[in-house]
């Protein structure tokens, strides 16, 4: 497989990975959802959560967890102190999209932070740009055309600035159904695989796909998360992992999508059992979400004690699941980042 990656993009991608080319990244770019969680924990409205509270939480996560990660994803709103506090030789991704999307319009349409650009993200010494896009192949074609053009523009902007483009797409039900329910669980494998296929096209300029696990483990027969009715047998579930991987024309990494550490690590175990060529993870809440009440009730010192103990253990469990991952450059048939531009 050939690639159009520039030498600069290759260097940035390897800066986000381990020496063996595996991306073991932490995610701490949550904004609106984190405000709501901290507000709930402190008994205040989300808009009463201060800049200092948000920044302090992110800084602590970065300081305590990056010794165990190859990179960290932060936002440029509250995350820059955390970027400065990250461990040396740990790469940095920055979010470019606004937090949340306008759900008063059809299709969960995306938007960007208005005073930011890829050039400015580069000026902040980031190694990559991350975009979150709500996407469904079952959405109205006119809505998806707007999203396709949106991603094309960002891909061109990243190419012009030699910064890697990480695209995170999260599926949804255009008809407003329950995305945690059985009906959506049965459709989710196709949503994930077809989204991976679409955004692997050269026209989008995506360098790494940040993807959901292609099934809901709560409905996977034989999983520890399944407590009743199932949407797929284990054999079918493993085949869904393989089908999604086969749709990928770019290196891909898994996101945790807010599940527990136990559910996410089991998902990675199944991916390894399916022998798919994923190149790592970009994992957030499965590592640190249980620390929010501790921070709200006891403060920063208690938060950092928890992160140094349980948070480190959580990320350690995830890292163990990456032993069978494929180096990002191995996806292109290369044995090193340098070989791609030799």
C-alpha atoms as a PDB file:
ATOM      1  CA  UNK A   1       0.000   0.000   0.000  1.00  0.00           C
ATOM      2  CA  UNK A   2       1.316   3.427  -0.884  1.00  0.00           C
ATOM      3  CA  UNK A   3       0.844   6.602   1.104  1.00  0.00           C
ATOM      4  CA  UNK A   4       1.009  10.317   0.482  1.00  0.00           C
ATOM      5  CA  UNK A   5       2.249  11.130   3.978  1.00  0.00           C
ATOM      6  CA  UNK A   6       4.869  13.853   4.074  1.00  0.00           C
ATOM      7  CA  UNK A   7       8.060  13.511   6.091  1.00  0.00           C
ATOM      8  CA  UNK A   8       6.688  16.098   8.516  1.00  0.00           C
ATOM      9  CA  UNK A   9       3.436  14.188   9.026  1.00  0.00           C
ATOM     10  CA  UNK A  10       5.344  10.945   9.569  1.00  0.00           C
ATOM     11  CA  UNK A  11       7.508  12.584  12.215  1.00  0.00           C
ATOM     12  CA  UNK A  12       4.471  13.992  13.989  1.00  0.00           C
ATOM     13  CA  UNK A  13       2.669  10.628  13.912  1.00  0.00           C
ATOM     14  CA  UNK A  14       5.650   8.851  15.386  1.00  0.00           C
ATOM     15  CA  UNK A  15       5.860  11.539  18.094  1.00  0.00           C
ATOM     16  CA  UNK A  16       2.374  10.403  19.154  1.00  0.00           C
ATOM     17  CA  UNK A  17       3.336   6.742  19.308  1.00  0.00           C
ATOM     18  CA  UNK A  18       5.577   4.451  21.296  1.00  0.00           C
ATOM     19  CA  UNK A  19       8.984   3.497  19.945  1.00  0.00           C
ATOM     20  CA  UNK A  20       7.289   0.483  18.362  1.00  0.00           C
ATOM     21  CA  UNK A  21       4.707   2.638  16.557  1.00  0.00           C
ATOM     22  CA  UNK A  22       1.682   1.957  18.764  1.00  0.00           C
ATOM     23  CA  UNK A  23      -0.554   4.906  19.672  1.00  0.00           C
ATOM     24  CA  UNK A  24      -1.402   4.639  23.365  1.00  0.00           C
ATOM     25  CA  UNK A  25      -2.971   8.054  23.866  1.00  0.00           C
ATOM     26  CA  UNK A  26      -4.997   9.509  26.715  1.00  0.00           C
ATOM     27  CA  UNK A  27      -7.966  11.780  25.976  1.00  0.00           C
ATOM     28  CA  UNK A  28      -8.878  14.800  28.082  1.00  0.00           C
ATOM     29  CA  UNK A  29     -10.577  17.154  25.625  1.00  0.00           C
ATOM     30  CA  UNK A  30     -14.081  16.825  27.073  1.00  0.00           C
ATOM     31  CA  UNK A  31     -15.695  20.198  27.619  1.00  0.00           C
ATOM     32  CA  UNK A  32     -19.480  20.434  27.937  1.00  0.00           C
ATOM     33  CA  UNK A  33     -19.818  16.900  29.311  1.00  0.00           C
ATOM     34  CA  UNK A  34     -17.070  17.537  31.864  1.00  0.00           C
ATOM     35  CA  UNK A  35     -18.696  20.801  32.937  1.00  0.00           C
ATOM     36  CA  UNK A  36     -21.974  18.954  33.529  1.00  0.00           C
ATOM     37  CA  UNK A  37     -20.240  16.186  35.491  1.00  0.00           C
ATOM     38  CA  UNK A  38     -18.282  18.584  37.700  1.00  0.00           C
ATOM     39  CA  UNK A  39     -21.369  20.721  38.193  1.00  0.00           C
ATOM     40  CA  UNK A  40     -23.367  17.675  39.270  1.00  0.00           C
ATOM     41  CA  UNK A  41     -20.605  16.593  41.642  1.00  0.00           C
ATOM     42  CA  UNK A  42     -20.403  20.033  43.234  1.00  0.00           C
ATOM     43  CA  UNK A  43     -24.143  20.650  43.247  1.00  0.00           C
ATOM     44  CA  UNK A  44     -23.905  23.679  40.961  1.00  0.00           C
ATOM     45  CA  UNK A  45     -25.122  24.541  37.479  1.00  0.00           C
ATOM     46  CA  UNK A  46     -22.764  23.629  34.614  1.00  0.00           C
ATOM     47  CA  UNK A  47     -22.284  27.298  33.734  1.00  0.00           C
ATOM     48  CA  UNK A  48     -21.129  27.925  37.309  1.00  0.00           C
ATOM     49  CA  UNK A  49     -18.181  25.557  36.828  1.00  0.00           C
ATOM     50  CA  UNK A  50     -15.207  27.903  36.597  1.00  0.00           C
ATOM     51  CA  UNK A  51     -12.344  28.073  34.144  1.00  0.00           C
ATOM     52  CA  UNK A  52     -10.035  27.158  37.035  1.00  0.00           C
ATOM     53  CA  UNK A  53     -11.996  24.003  37.878  1.00  0.00           C
ATOM     54  CA  UNK A  54     -11.885  22.787  34.303  1.00  0.00           C
ATOM     55  CA  UNK A  55      -8.226  23.645  33.838  1.00  0.00           C
ATOM     56  CA  UNK A  56      -7.182  22.116  37.168  1.00  0.00           C
ATOM     57  CA  UNK A  57      -8.904  18.805  36.404  1.00  0.00           C
ATOM     58  CA  UNK A  58      -7.315  18.556  32.967  1.00  0.00           C
ATOM     59  CA  UNK A  59      -3.896  19.546  34.270  1.00  0.00           C
ATOM     60  CA  UNK A  60      -4.023  16.835  36.940  1.00  0.00           C
ATOM     61  CA  UNK A  61      -5.070  14.162  34.439  1.00  0.00           C
ATOM     62  CA  UNK A  62      -2.259  15.167  32.098  1.00  0.00           C
ATOM     63  CA  UNK A  63       0.388  15.336  34.813  1.00  0.00           C
ATOM     64  CA  UNK A  64      -0.540  12.009  36.412  1.00  0.00           C
ATOM     65  CA  UNK A  65      -1.431   9.882  33.372  1.00  0.00           C
ATOM     66  CA  UNK A  66       0.974  10.963  30.624  1.00  0.00           C
ATOM     67  CA  UNK A  67       3.874   9.048  32.232  1.00  0.00           C
ATOM     68  CA  UNK A  68       1.877   5.980  31.098  1.00  0.00           C
ATOM     69  CA  UNK A  69       0.800   7.251  27.645  1.00  0.00           C
ATOM     70  CA  UNK A  70       2.431   7.952  24.297  1.00  0.00           C
ATOM     71  CA  UNK A  71       0.321  11.091  23.732  1.00  0.00           C
ATOM     72  CA  UNK A  72      -2.551  13.116  25.123  1.00  0.00           C
ATOM     73  CA  UNK A  73      -5.530  14.763  23.454  1.00  0.00           C
ATOM     74  CA  UNK A  74      -6.522  18.101  24.970  1.00  0.00           C
ATOM     75  CA  UNK A  75      -8.618  21.092  23.990  1.00  0.00           C
ATOM     76  CA  UNK A  76      -7.184  24.598  23.486  1.00  0.00           C
ATOM     77  CA  UNK A  77      -9.866  26.164  25.710  1.00  0.00           C
ATOM     78  CA  UNK A  78      -8.962  24.692  29.102  1.00  0.00           C
ATOM     79  CA  UNK A  79      -6.270  22.184  28.221  1.00  0.00           C
ATOM     80  CA  UNK A  80      -3.142  24.194  27.545  1.00  0.00           C
ATOM     81  CA  UNK A  81      -1.828  24.120  31.144  1.00  0.00           C
ATOM     82  CA  UNK A  82      -2.212  20.343  30.895  1.00  0.00           C
ATOM     83  CA  UNK A  83      -0.278  20.369  27.633  1.00  0.00           C
ATOM     84  CA  UNK A  84       2.568  22.171  29.366  1.00  0.00           C
ATOM     85  CA  UNK A  85       2.438  19.729  32.299  1.00  0.00           C
ATOM     86  CA  UNK A  86       2.554  16.536  30.238  1.00  0.00           C
ATOM     87  CA  UNK A  87       5.547  14.243  30.524  1.00  0.00           C
ATOM     88  CA  UNK A  88       8.481  14.836  28.233  1.00  0.00           C
ATOM     89  CA  UNK A  89       8.477  12.968  24.918  1.00  0.00           C
ATOM     90  CA  UNK A  90       4.677  12.625  25.049  1.00  0.00           C
ATOM     91  CA  UNK A  91       2.907  13.827  21.926  1.00  0.00           C
ATOM     92  CA  UNK A  92       0.054  16.328  21.808  1.00  0.00           C
ATOM     93  CA  UNK A  93      -3.211  16.315  19.866  1.00  0.00           C
ATOM     94  CA  UNK A  94      -5.568  19.283  20.010  1.00  0.00           C
ATOM     95  CA  UNK A  95      -9.283  19.400  19.271  1.00  0.00           C
ATOM     96  CA  UNK A  96     -10.449  21.738  16.521  1.00  0.00           C
ATOM     97  CA  UNK A  97     -14.215  21.284  16.803  1.00  0.00           C
ATOM     98  CA  UNK A  98     -16.630  23.067  19.099  1.00  0.00           C
ATOM     99  CA  UNK A  99     -17.872  21.137  22.101  1.00  0.00           C
ATOM    100  CA  UNK A 100     -21.236  19.637  21.249  1.00  0.00           C
ATOM    101  CA  UNK A 101     -23.267  20.216  18.113  1.00  0.00           C
ATOM    102  CA  UNK A 102     -26.391  22.110  17.212  1.00  0.00           C
ATOM    103  CA  UNK A 103     -29.127  19.528  17.647  1.00  0.00           C
ATOM    104  CA  UNK A 104     -31.833  22.012  16.670  1.00  0.00           C
ATOM    105  CA  UNK A 105     -30.861  21.349  13.065  1.00  0.00           C
ATOM    106  CA  UNK A 106     -31.106  17.925  11.408  1.00  0.00           C
ATOM    107  CA  UNK A 107     -28.035  15.771  11.384  1.00  0.00           C
ATOM    108  CA  UNK A 108     -25.978  16.971  14.373  1.00  0.00           C
ATOM    109  CA  UNK A 109     -24.051  19.368  12.180  1.00  0.00           C
ATOM    110  CA  UNK A 110     -20.414  20.095  13.069  1.00  0.00           C
ATOM    111  CA  UNK A 111     -18.689  23.403  13.700  1.00  0.00           C
ATOM    112  CA  UNK A 112     -15.203  24.658  14.553  1.00  0.00           C
ATOM    113  CA  UNK A 113     -13.758  26.766  17.350  1.00  0.00           C
ATOM    114  CA  UNK A 114     -14.073  30.179  15.690  1.00  0.00           C
ATOM    115  CA  UNK A 115     -10.721  31.680  16.668  1.00  0.00           C
ATOM    116  CA  UNK A 116      -8.701  28.585  15.786  1.00  0.00           C
ATOM    117  CA  UNK A 117      -7.135  27.192  12.613  1.00  0.00           C
ATOM    118  CA  UNK A 118      -4.834  24.303  11.784  1.00  0.00           C
ATOM    119  CA  UNK A 119      -2.009  26.805  11.464  1.00  0.00           C
ATOM    120  CA  UNK A 120      -2.748  28.078  14.973  1.00  0.00           C
ATOM    121  CA  UNK A 121      -2.926  24.518  16.302  1.00  0.00           C
ATOM    122  CA  UNK A 122       0.544  24.015  14.877  1.00  0.00           C
ATOM    123  CA  UNK A 123       1.665  27.226  16.566  1.00  0.00           C
ATOM    124  CA  UNK A 124       0.579  25.622  19.866  1.00  0.00           C
ATOM    125  CA  UNK A 125       3.146  22.867  19.205  1.00  0.00           C
ATOM    126  CA  UNK A 126       0.574  20.169  18.596  1.00  0.00           C
ATOM    127  CA  UNK A 127       1.510  17.035  16.676  1.00  0.00           C
ATOM    128  CA  UNK A 128      -1.976  16.477  15.266  1.00  0.00           C
ATOM    129  CA  UNK A 129      -5.455  17.905  14.771  1.00  0.00           C
ATOM    130  CA  UNK A 130      -8.503  16.009  16.023  1.00  0.00           C
ATOM    131  CA  UNK A 131     -12.041  16.461  14.751  1.00  0.00           C
ATOM    132  CA  UNK A 132     -15.132  14.825  16.231  1.00  0.00           C
ATOM    133  CA  UNK A 133     -17.923  14.239  13.723  1.00  0.00           C
ATOM    134  CA  UNK A 134     -21.316  12.715  14.400  1.00  0.00           C
ATOM    135  CA  UNK A 135     -21.919  10.577  11.332  1.00  0.00           C
ATOM    136  CA  UNK A 136     -24.315   7.945  10.060  1.00  0.00           C
ATOM    137  CA  UNK A 137     -24.404   6.428   6.571  1.00  0.00           C
ATOM    138  CA  UNK A 138     -28.180   6.242   7.079  1.00  0.00           C
ATOM    139  CA  UNK A 139     -28.558  10.019   7.433  1.00  0.00           C
ATOM    140  CA  UNK A 140     -30.167  12.100   4.682  1.00  0.00           C
ATOM    141  CA  UNK A 141     -27.772  12.387   1.747  1.00  0.00           C
ATOM    142  CA  UNK A 142     -27.937  16.193   1.737  1.00  0.00           C
ATOM    143  CA  UNK A 143     -26.845  16.306   5.388  1.00  0.00           C
ATOM    144  CA  UNK A 144     -23.955  13.948   4.737  1.00  0.00           C
ATOM    145  CA  UNK A 145     -22.799  15.953   1.731  1.00  0.00           C
ATOM    146  CA  UNK A 146     -22.363  18.966   4.019  1.00  0.00           C
ATOM    147  CA  UNK A 147     -20.315  16.806   6.398  1.00  0.00           C
ATOM    148  CA  UNK A 148     -18.225  15.380   3.559  1.00  0.00           C
ATOM    149  CA  UNK A 149     -17.347  18.867   2.340  1.00  0.00           C
ATOM    150  CA  UNK A 150     -16.574  19.940   5.918  1.00  0.00           C
ATOM    151  CA  UNK A 151     -14.061  17.099   6.336  1.00  0.00           C
ATOM    152  CA  UNK A 152     -12.536  17.742   2.905  1.00  0.00           C
ATOM    153  CA  UNK A 153     -11.777  21.330   3.911  1.00  0.00           C
ATOM    154  CA  UNK A 154     -10.112  20.254   7.140  1.00  0.00           C
ATOM    155  CA  UNK A 155      -8.101  17.598   5.333  1.00  0.00           C
ATOM    156  CA  UNK A 156      -6.825  20.190   2.885  1.00  0.00           C
ATOM    157  CA  UNK A 157      -5.993  22.555   5.734  1.00  0.00           C
ATOM    158  CA  UNK A 158      -4.019  19.833   7.536  1.00  0.00           C
ATOM    159  CA  UNK A 159      -2.170  18.906   4.332  1.00  0.00           C
ATOM    160  CA  UNK A 160      -1.206  22.531   3.746  1.00  0.00           C
ATOM    161  CA  UNK A 161       0.257  22.728   7.246  1.00  0.00           C
ATOM    162  CA  UNK A 162       1.808  19.233   7.362  1.00  0.00           C
ATOM    163  CA  UNK A 163      -0.134  18.277  10.503  1.00  0.00           C
ATOM    164  CA  UNK A 164      -1.728  14.829  10.808  1.00  0.00           C
ATOM    165  CA  UNK A 165      -5.511  14.703  10.776  1.00  0.00           C
ATOM    166  CA  UNK A 166      -7.227  12.374  13.280  1.00  0.00           C
ATOM    167  CA  UNK A 167     -10.931  11.978  12.509  1.00  0.00           C
ATOM    168  CA  UNK A 168     -13.190  10.660  15.252  1.00  0.00           C
ATOM    169  CA  UNK A 169     -16.634   9.753  14.014  1.00  0.00           C
ATOM    170  CA  UNK A 170     -19.420   8.740  16.369  1.00  0.00           C
ATOM    171  CA  UNK A 171     -22.504   7.043  15.017  1.00  0.00           C
ATOM    172  CA  UNK A 172     -26.079   7.942  15.833  1.00  0.00           C
ATOM    173  CA  UNK A 173     -29.652   7.141  14.854  1.00  0.00           C
ATOM    174  CA  UNK A 174     -30.984   9.789  12.443  1.00  0.00           C
ATOM    175  CA  UNK A 175     -34.507   8.843  13.534  1.00  0.00           C
ATOM    176  CA  UNK A 176     -33.777   9.733  17.156  1.00  0.00           C
ATOM    177  CA  UNK A 177     -33.802   6.206  18.540  1.00  0.00           C
ATOM    178  CA  UNK A 178     -31.957   5.038  21.635  1.00  0.00           C
ATOM    179  CA  UNK A 179     -28.318   4.579  20.659  1.00  0.00           C
ATOM    180  CA  UNK A 180     -27.749   2.391  23.723  1.00  0.00           C
ATOM    181  CA  UNK A 181     -30.650   0.087  22.908  1.00  0.00           C
ATOM    182  CA  UNK A 182     -30.959  -3.235  21.110  1.00  0.00           C
ATOM    183  CA  UNK A 183     -32.233  -1.873  17.787  1.00  0.00           C
ATOM    184  CA  UNK A 184     -29.255   0.439  17.354  1.00  0.00           C
ATOM    185  CA  UNK A 185     -26.873  -2.274  18.588  1.00  0.00           C
ATOM    186  CA  UNK A 186     -27.957  -4.416  15.643  1.00  0.00           C
ATOM    187  CA  UNK A 187     -27.282  -1.586  13.204  1.00  0.00           C
ATOM    188  CA  UNK A 188     -24.071  -0.300  14.795  1.00  0.00           C
ATOM    189  CA  UNK A 189     -21.648  -2.688  13.011  1.00  0.00           C
ATOM    190  CA  UNK A 190     -22.754  -1.353   9.636  1.00  0.00           C
ATOM    191  CA  UNK A 191     -22.678   2.267  10.846  1.00  0.00           C
ATOM    192  CA  UNK A 192     -19.065   1.885  12.002  1.00  0.00           C
ATOM    193  CA  UNK A 193     -17.794  -0.123   9.027  1.00  0.00           C
ATOM    194  CA  UNK A 194     -19.370   2.117   6.390  1.00  0.00           C
ATOM    195  CA  UNK A 195     -18.123   5.258   8.146  1.00  0.00           C
ATOM    196  CA  UNK A 196     -14.604   3.798   8.164  1.00  0.00           C
ATOM    197  CA  UNK A 197     -14.925   2.981   4.480  1.00  0.00           C
ATOM    198  CA  UNK A 198     -16.158   6.470   3.586  1.00  0.00           C
ATOM    199  CA  UNK A 199     -13.510   8.458   5.425  1.00  0.00           C
ATOM    200  CA  UNK A 200     -10.663   6.252   4.233  1.00  0.00           C
ATOM    201  CA  UNK A 201     -11.083   7.854   0.803  1.00  0.00           C
ATOM    202  CA  UNK A 202      -8.123   9.972  -0.288  1.00  0.00           C
ATOM    203  CA  UNK A 203     -10.323  13.023  -0.878  1.00  0.00           C
ATOM    204  CA  UNK A 204     -10.703  13.580   2.878  1.00  0.00           C
ATOM    205  CA  UNK A 205      -7.016  13.612   3.745  1.00  0.00           C
ATOM    206  CA  UNK A 206      -7.545  11.752   7.022  1.00  0.00           C
ATOM    207  CA  UNK A 207      -4.378  10.205   8.414  1.00  0.00           C
ATOM    208  CA  UNK A 208      -5.736   8.208  11.371  1.00  0.00           C
ATOM    209  CA  UNK A 209      -9.297   7.038  11.956  1.00  0.00           C
ATOM    210  CA  UNK A 210     -10.403   7.224  15.585  1.00  0.00           C
ATOM    211  CA  UNK A 211     -13.252   4.715  15.638  1.00  0.00           C
ATOM    212  CA  UNK A 212     -15.858   3.212  17.895  1.00  0.00           C
ATOM    213  CA  UNK A 213     -15.753  -0.469  18.730  1.00  0.00           C
ATOM    214  CA  UNK A 214     -18.051  -1.811  15.978  1.00  0.00           C
ATOM    215  CA  UNK A 215     -20.625  -3.314  18.336  1.00  0.00           C
ATOM    216  CA  UNK A 216     -22.228  -2.744  21.711  1.00  0.00           C
ATOM    217  CA  UNK A 217     -20.578  -5.130  24.168  1.00  0.00           C
ATOM    218  CA  UNK A 218     -23.685  -4.998  26.363  1.00  0.00           C
ATOM    219  CA  UNK A 219     -25.449  -7.000  23.635  1.00  0.00           C
ATOM    220  CA  UNK A 220     -22.548  -9.319  22.758  1.00  0.00           C
ATOM    221  CA  UNK A 221     -23.263 -12.869  23.864  1.00  0.00           C
ATOM    222  CA  UNK A 222     -20.490 -14.177  26.092  1.00  0.00           C
ATOM    223  CA  UNK A 223     -19.101 -10.782  27.054  1.00  0.00           C
ATOM    224  CA  UNK A 224     -18.838  -9.801  30.694  1.00  0.00           C
ATOM    225  CA  UNK A 225     -20.925  -6.721  29.873  1.00  0.00           C
ATOM    226  CA  UNK A 226     -23.861  -8.736  28.505  1.00  0.00           C
ATOM    227  CA  UNK A 227     -26.493  -9.363  31.165  1.00  0.00           C
ATOM    228  CA  UNK A 228     -29.391 -10.607  29.090  1.00  0.00           C
ATOM    229  CA  UNK A 229     -30.620 -10.265  25.524  1.00  0.00           C
ATOM    230  CA  UNK A 230     -27.944 -10.277  22.820  1.00  0.00           C
ATOM    231  CA  UNK A 231     -27.705  -8.833  19.340  1.00  0.00           C
ATOM    232  CA  UNK A 232     -24.830 -11.054  18.187  1.00  0.00           C
ATOM    233  CA  UNK A 233     -23.071 -14.251  19.164  1.00  0.00           C
ATOM    234  CA  UNK A 234     -19.381 -14.020  19.988  1.00  0.00           C
ATOM    235  CA  UNK A 235     -18.508 -15.452  16.570  1.00  0.00           C
ATOM    236  CA  UNK A 236     -20.655 -12.793  14.915  1.00  0.00           C
ATOM    237  CA  UNK A 237     -19.112 -10.104  17.107  1.00  0.00           C
ATOM    238  CA  UNK A 238     -15.583 -11.105  16.102  1.00  0.00           C
ATOM    239  CA  UNK A 239     -16.639 -11.030  12.472  1.00  0.00           C
ATOM    240  CA  UNK A 240     -17.967  -7.473  12.967  1.00  0.00           C
ATOM    241  CA  UNK A 241     -14.516  -6.479  14.241  1.00  0.00           C
ATOM    242  CA  UNK A 242     -12.936  -8.000  11.125  1.00  0.00           C
ATOM    243  CA  UNK A 243     -15.436  -6.466   8.711  1.00  0.00           C
ATOM    244  CA  UNK A 244     -14.859  -2.983  10.098  1.00  0.00           C
ATOM    245  CA  UNK A 245     -11.085  -3.434   9.975  1.00  0.00           C
ATOM    246  CA  UNK A 246     -11.291  -4.573   6.359  1.00  0.00           C
ATOM    247  CA  UNK A 247     -13.188  -1.372   5.514  1.00  0.00           C
ATOM    248  CA  UNK A 248     -10.334   0.794   6.793  1.00  0.00           C
ATOM    249  CA  UNK A 249      -7.967   2.312   4.258  1.00  0.00           C
ATOM    250  CA  UNK A 250      -6.083   4.199   6.957  1.00  0.00           C
ATOM    251  CA  UNK A 251      -4.530   3.259  10.301  1.00  0.00           C
ATOM    252  CA  UNK A 252      -7.227   3.196  12.959  1.00  0.00           C
ATOM    253  CA  UNK A 253      -7.374   3.390  16.731  1.00  0.00           C
ATOM    254  CA  UNK A 254     -10.247   2.699  19.109  1.00  0.00           C
ATOM    255  CA  UNK A 255     -12.012   5.234  21.319  1.00  0.00           C
ATOM    256  CA  UNK A 256     -13.620   4.251  24.598  1.00  0.00           C
ATOM    257  CA  UNK A 257     -16.905   6.158  24.035  1.00  0.00           C
ATOM    258  CA  UNK A 258     -17.582   6.615  27.729  1.00  0.00           C
ATOM    259  CA  UNK A 259     -17.727   2.924  28.708  1.00  0.00           C
ATOM    260  CA  UNK A 260     -16.068   1.597  31.842  1.00  0.00           C
ATOM    261  CA  UNK A 261     -12.462   0.466  31.922  1.00  0.00           C
ATOM    262  CA  UNK A 262     -13.626  -3.135  32.227  1.00  0.00           C
ATOM    263  CA  UNK A 263     -15.852  -2.939  29.148  1.00  0.00           C
ATOM    264  CA  UNK A 264     -13.215  -1.177  27.065  1.00  0.00           C
ATOM    265  CA  UNK A 265     -10.438  -3.607  27.941  1.00  0.00           C
ATOM    266  CA  UNK A 266     -12.699  -6.540  27.081  1.00  0.00           C
ATOM    267  CA  UNK A 267     -13.472  -4.860  23.749  1.00  0.00           C
ATOM    268  CA  UNK A 268      -9.741  -4.652  23.040  1.00  0.00           C
ATOM    269  CA  UNK A 269      -9.305  -8.285  24.023  1.00  0.00           C
ATOM    270  CA  UNK A 270     -11.954  -9.256  21.480  1.00  0.00           C
ATOM    271  CA  UNK A 271     -10.327  -7.084  18.820  1.00  0.00           C
ATOM    272  CA  UNK A 272      -7.057  -8.909  19.435  1.00  0.00           C
ATOM    273  CA  UNK A 273      -8.855 -12.261  19.313  1.00  0.00           C
ATOM    274  CA  UNK A 274     -10.357 -11.234  15.971  1.00  0.00           C
ATOM    275  CA  UNK A 275      -6.783 -10.470  14.818  1.00  0.00           C
ATOM    276  CA  UNK A 276      -7.609  -7.006  13.518  1.00  0.00           C
ATOM    277  CA  UNK A 277      -4.845  -4.552  12.640  1.00  0.00           C
ATOM    278  CA  UNK A 278      -5.747  -1.690  14.973  1.00  0.00           C
ATOM    279  CA  UNK A 279      -2.888   0.659  15.844  1.00  0.00           C
ATOM    280  CA  UNK A 280      -3.793   1.610  19.399  1.00  0.00           C
ATOM    281  CA  UNK A 281      -6.263   3.680  21.364  1.00  0.00           C
ATOM    282  CA  UNK A 282      -7.228   7.204  22.273  1.00  0.00           C
ATOM    283  CA  UNK A 283      -8.926   6.599  25.593  1.00  0.00           C
ATOM    284  CA  UNK A 284     -10.499   9.121  27.944  1.00  0.00           C
ATOM    285  CA  UNK A 285     -13.328   8.439  30.346  1.00  0.00           C
ATOM    286  CA  UNK A 286     -12.593   4.722  30.725  1.00  0.00           C
ATOM    287  CA  UNK A 287      -9.410   5.819  32.478  1.00  0.00           C
ATOM    288  CA  UNK A 288     -10.394   8.798  34.642  1.00  0.00           C
ATOM    289  CA  UNK A 289     -14.185   9.268  34.851  1.00  0.00           C
ATOM    290  CA  UNK A 290     -14.475   7.709  38.314  1.00  0.00           C
ATOM    291  CA  UNK A 291     -12.192  10.458  39.647  1.00  0.00           C
ATOM    292  CA  UNK A 292     -14.707  13.250  39.044  1.00  0.00           C
ATOM    293  CA  UNK A 293     -16.634  12.785  42.333  1.00  0.00           C
ATOM    294  CA  UNK A 294     -13.337  12.591  44.221  1.00  0.00           C
ATOM    295  CA  UNK A 295     -12.210  15.904  42.763  1.00  0.00           C
ATOM    296  CA  UNK A 296     -15.577  17.522  43.453  1.00  0.00           C
ATOM    297  CA  UNK A 297     -15.707  16.379  47.069  1.00  0.00           C
ATOM    298  CA  UNK A 298     -12.044  16.376  48.116  1.00  0.00           C
ATOM    299  CA  UNK A 299     -10.084  18.605  45.723  1.00  0.00           C
ATOM    300  CA  UNK A 300      -6.990  18.411  43.555  1.00  0.00           C
ATOM    301  CA  UNK A 301      -4.697  16.547  45.973  1.00  0.00           C
ATOM    302  CA  UNK A 302      -7.178  13.686  46.364  1.00  0.00           C
ATOM    303  CA  UNK A 303      -7.763  13.677  42.609  1.00  0.00           C
ATOM    304  CA  UNK A 304      -4.052  13.264  41.921  1.00  0.00           C
ATOM    305  CA  UNK A 305      -3.755  10.535  44.561  1.00  0.00           C
ATOM    306  CA  UNK A 306      -6.544   8.617  42.791  1.00  0.00           C
ATOM    307  CA  UNK A 307      -5.060   9.177  39.351  1.00  0.00           C
ATOM    308  CA  UNK A 308      -1.621   8.064  40.494  1.00  0.00           C
ATOM    309  CA  UNK A 309      -3.104   4.850  41.861  1.00  0.00           C
ATOM    310  CA  UNK A 310      -6.340   3.730  40.197  1.00  0.00           C
ATOM    311  CA  UNK A 311      -5.969   5.924  37.097  1.00  0.00           C
ATOM    312  CA  UNK A 312      -2.503   4.539  36.429  1.00  0.00           C
ATOM    313  CA  UNK A 313      -3.832   1.015  36.968  1.00  0.00           C
ATOM    314  CA  UNK A 314      -6.652   1.678  34.501  1.00  0.00           C
ATOM    315  CA  UNK A 315      -4.336   2.902  31.790  1.00  0.00           C
ATOM    316  CA  UNK A 316      -1.975   0.024  32.540  1.00  0.00           C
ATOM    317  CA  UNK A 317      -4.753  -2.473  31.809  1.00  0.00           C
ATOM    318  CA  UNK A 318      -5.414  -0.761  28.505  1.00  0.00           C
ATOM    319  CA  UNK A 319      -1.728  -0.725  27.607  1.00  0.00           C
ATOM    320  CA  UNK A 320      -1.549  -4.472  28.208  1.00  0.00           C
ATOM    321  CA  UNK A 321      -4.255  -4.893  25.573  1.00  0.00           C
ATOM    322  CA  UNK A 322      -2.075  -3.118  22.999  1.00  0.00           C
ATOM    323  CA  UNK A 323       0.545  -5.855  22.862  1.00  0.00           C
ATOM    324  CA  UNK A 324      -1.100  -7.277  19.744  1.00  0.00           C
ATOM    325  CA  UNK A 325      -1.659  -3.927  18.031  1.00  0.00           C
ATOM    326  CA  UNK A 326      -0.143  -3.059  14.658  1.00  0.00           C
ATOM    327  CA  UNK A 327       2.305  -0.126  14.353  1.00  0.00           C
ATOM    328  CA  UNK A 328       0.632   2.754  12.539  1.00  0.00           C
ATOM    329  CA  UNK A 329       3.297   2.586   9.823  1.00  0.00           C
ATOM    330  CA  UNK A 330       2.858  -1.188   9.589  1.00  0.00           C
ATOM    331  CA  UNK A 331      -0.582  -0.502   8.153  1.00  0.00           C
ATOM    332  CA  UNK A 332       1.290   0.762   5.080  1.00  0.00           C
ATOM    333  CA  UNK A 333       3.606  -2.248   4.955  1.00  0.00           C
ATOM    334  CA  UNK A 334       6.574  -0.304   6.359  1.00  0.00           C
ATOM    335  CA  UNK A 335       8.794  -1.404   9.232  1.00  0.00           C
ATOM    336  CA  UNK A 336       9.432   2.146  10.476  1.00  0.00           C
ATOM    337  CA  UNK A 337       8.151   5.686  10.110  1.00  0.00           C
ATOM    338  CA  UNK A 338      11.349   6.616   8.296  1.00  0.00           C
ATOM    339  CA  UNK A 339      10.816   3.905   5.707  1.00  0.00           C
ATOM    340  CA  UNK A 340       7.635   5.629   4.533  1.00  0.00           C
ATOM    341  CA  UNK A 341       9.571   8.658   3.320  1.00  0.00           C
ATOM    342  CA  UNK A 342      12.855   7.006   2.363  1.00  0.00           C
END
